[in-house]
């Protein structure tokens, strides 16, 4: 499992969200997971000044390329061989 948040996410506070997810995964015996908080990013993984929803429409970036690469790399690392049969 991959659980990610932006540091400036005001809708889903990262520290509470990610720590609760990690606690639940550990309690459930899960070992294959990554918990990551991206610095400077808002709820939509956009580079933000404050993280306020008022900023969303003013930010030209749709989603951080760093986040897209991270998600892509994580997916590829967990699907080795699976994509080869498609």
C-alpha atoms as a PDB file:
ATOM      1  CA  UNK A   1       0.000   0.000   0.000  1.00  0.00           C
ATOM      2  CA  UNK A   2       1.111   3.522  -0.762  1.00  0.00           C
ATOM      3  CA  UNK A   3      -0.280   6.287   1.476  1.00  0.00           C
ATOM      4  CA  UNK A   4       0.697   9.839   0.578  1.00  0.00           C
ATOM      5  CA  UNK A   5      -0.231  13.347   1.673  1.00  0.00           C
ATOM      6  CA  UNK A   6       0.881  16.844   0.906  1.00  0.00           C
ATOM      7  CA  UNK A   7       2.467  18.654   3.850  1.00  0.00           C
ATOM      8  CA  UNK A   8       0.163  21.643   3.320  1.00  0.00           C
ATOM      9  CA  UNK A   9      -3.040  19.602   2.961  1.00  0.00           C
ATOM     10  CA  UNK A  10      -5.628  21.410   5.084  1.00  0.00           C
ATOM     11  CA  UNK A  11      -8.489  19.068   4.151  1.00  0.00           C
ATOM     12  CA  UNK A  12      -6.804  15.852   5.275  1.00  0.00           C
ATOM     13  CA  UNK A  13      -4.151  16.804   7.835  1.00  0.00           C
ATOM     14  CA  UNK A  14      -1.100  14.719   6.956  1.00  0.00           C
ATOM     15  CA  UNK A  15       0.292  13.985  10.412  1.00  0.00           C
ATOM     16  CA  UNK A  16      -3.006  12.615  11.751  1.00  0.00           C
ATOM     17  CA  UNK A  17      -3.949  10.864   8.514  1.00  0.00           C
ATOM     18  CA  UNK A  18      -0.642   9.166   7.802  1.00  0.00           C
ATOM     19  CA  UNK A  19      -0.003   8.129  11.392  1.00  0.00           C
ATOM     20  CA  UNK A  20      -3.499   6.583  11.635  1.00  0.00           C
ATOM     21  CA  UNK A  21      -2.967   4.680   8.384  1.00  0.00           C
ATOM     22  CA  UNK A  22       0.441   3.442   9.531  1.00  0.00           C
ATOM     23  CA  UNK A  23      -0.946   2.359  12.894  1.00  0.00           C
ATOM     24  CA  UNK A  24      -3.778   0.422  11.233  1.00  0.00           C
ATOM     25  CA  UNK A  25      -1.427  -1.256   8.764  1.00  0.00           C
ATOM     26  CA  UNK A  26       0.984  -2.310  11.494  1.00  0.00           C
ATOM     27  CA  UNK A  27      -1.878  -3.541  13.673  1.00  0.00           C
ATOM     28  CA  UNK A  28      -3.139  -5.590  10.725  1.00  0.00           C
ATOM     29  CA  UNK A  29       0.272  -7.194  10.241  1.00  0.00           C
ATOM     30  CA  UNK A  30       0.986  -5.473   6.946  1.00  0.00           C
ATOM     31  CA  UNK A  31       4.650  -5.182   6.056  1.00  0.00           C
ATOM     32  CA  UNK A  32       4.635  -3.951   2.458  1.00  0.00           C
ATOM     33  CA  UNK A  33       3.612  -0.324   2.674  1.00  0.00           C
ATOM     34  CA  UNK A  34       5.027   3.152   2.227  1.00  0.00           C
ATOM     35  CA  UNK A  35       3.881   6.234   4.112  1.00  0.00           C
ATOM     36  CA  UNK A  36       5.090   9.516   2.596  1.00  0.00           C
ATOM     37  CA  UNK A  37       4.431  13.197   3.155  1.00  0.00           C
ATOM     38  CA  UNK A  38       5.426  15.531   0.318  1.00  0.00           C
ATOM     39  CA  UNK A  39       6.768  18.875   1.557  1.00  0.00           C
ATOM     40  CA  UNK A  40       5.203  22.058   0.219  1.00  0.00           C
ATOM     41  CA  UNK A  41       2.244  20.352  -1.486  1.00  0.00           C
ATOM     42  CA  UNK A  42      -1.477  20.816  -0.902  1.00  0.00           C
ATOM     43  CA  UNK A  43      -4.461  18.441  -0.994  1.00  0.00           C
ATOM     44  CA  UNK A  44      -4.151  18.087  -4.791  1.00  0.00           C
ATOM     45  CA  UNK A  45      -0.373  17.608  -4.636  1.00  0.00           C
ATOM     46  CA  UNK A  46       0.195  21.064  -6.111  1.00  0.00           C
ATOM     47  CA  UNK A  47       3.078  23.262  -4.987  1.00  0.00           C
ATOM     48  CA  UNK A  48       1.349  25.706  -2.637  1.00  0.00           C
ATOM     49  CA  UNK A  49       2.091  28.668  -0.430  1.00  0.00           C
ATOM     50  CA  UNK A  50      -0.506  28.076   2.283  1.00  0.00           C
ATOM     51  CA  UNK A  51      -2.447  24.952   1.294  1.00  0.00           C
ATOM     52  CA  UNK A  52      -5.739  26.848   1.525  1.00  0.00           C
ATOM     53  CA  UNK A  53      -8.488  25.706  -0.861  1.00  0.00           C
ATOM     54  CA  UNK A  54      -8.653  29.349  -1.990  1.00  0.00           C
ATOM     55  CA  UNK A  55      -5.301  28.775  -3.721  1.00  0.00           C
ATOM     56  CA  UNK A  56      -6.373  25.766  -5.792  1.00  0.00           C
ATOM     57  CA  UNK A  57      -7.733  27.638  -8.802  1.00  0.00           C
ATOM     58  CA  UNK A  58      -4.796  30.048  -8.886  1.00  0.00           C
ATOM     59  CA  UNK A  59      -2.151  27.326  -9.078  1.00  0.00           C
ATOM     60  CA  UNK A  60      -1.277  26.406 -12.655  1.00  0.00           C
ATOM     61  CA  UNK A  61       0.346  23.096 -11.719  1.00  0.00           C
ATOM     62  CA  UNK A  62      -2.192  20.268 -11.985  1.00  0.00           C
ATOM     63  CA  UNK A  63      -0.137  17.826  -9.924  1.00  0.00           C
ATOM     64  CA  UNK A  64       3.510  17.783  -8.931  1.00  0.00           C
ATOM     65  CA  UNK A  65       5.713  15.880 -11.366  1.00  0.00           C
ATOM     66  CA  UNK A  66       7.624  14.580  -8.325  1.00  0.00           C
ATOM     67  CA  UNK A  67       4.424  12.959  -7.022  1.00  0.00           C
ATOM     68  CA  UNK A  68       3.557  11.473 -10.408  1.00  0.00           C
ATOM     69  CA  UNK A  69       7.029   9.964 -10.706  1.00  0.00           C
ATOM     70  CA  UNK A  70       6.903   8.643  -7.146  1.00  0.00           C
ATOM     71  CA  UNK A  71       3.521   6.982  -7.706  1.00  0.00           C
ATOM     72  CA  UNK A  72       4.625   5.586 -11.069  1.00  0.00           C
ATOM     73  CA  UNK A  73       7.847   4.182  -9.622  1.00  0.00           C
ATOM     74  CA  UNK A  74       5.949   2.636  -6.705  1.00  0.00           C
ATOM     75  CA  UNK A  75       3.413   0.996  -9.024  1.00  0.00           C
ATOM     76  CA  UNK A  76       6.136  -0.365 -11.283  1.00  0.00           C
ATOM     77  CA  UNK A  77       8.053  -1.740  -8.306  1.00  0.00           C
ATOM     78  CA  UNK A  78       4.930  -3.629  -7.202  1.00  0.00           C
ATOM     79  CA  UNK A  79       3.788  -4.944 -10.564  1.00  0.00           C
ATOM     80  CA  UNK A  80       6.976  -6.444 -11.969  1.00  0.00           C
ATOM     81  CA  UNK A  81       5.921  -9.283 -14.200  1.00  0.00           C
ATOM     82  CA  UNK A  82       2.212  -8.513 -13.952  1.00  0.00           C
ATOM     83  CA  UNK A  83       2.374  -5.898 -16.705  1.00  0.00           C
ATOM     84  CA  UNK A  84       4.318  -8.259 -18.919  1.00  0.00           C
ATOM     85  CA  UNK A  85       1.304 -10.550 -19.313  1.00  0.00           C
ATOM     86  CA  UNK A  86      -1.064  -7.781 -20.427  1.00  0.00           C
END
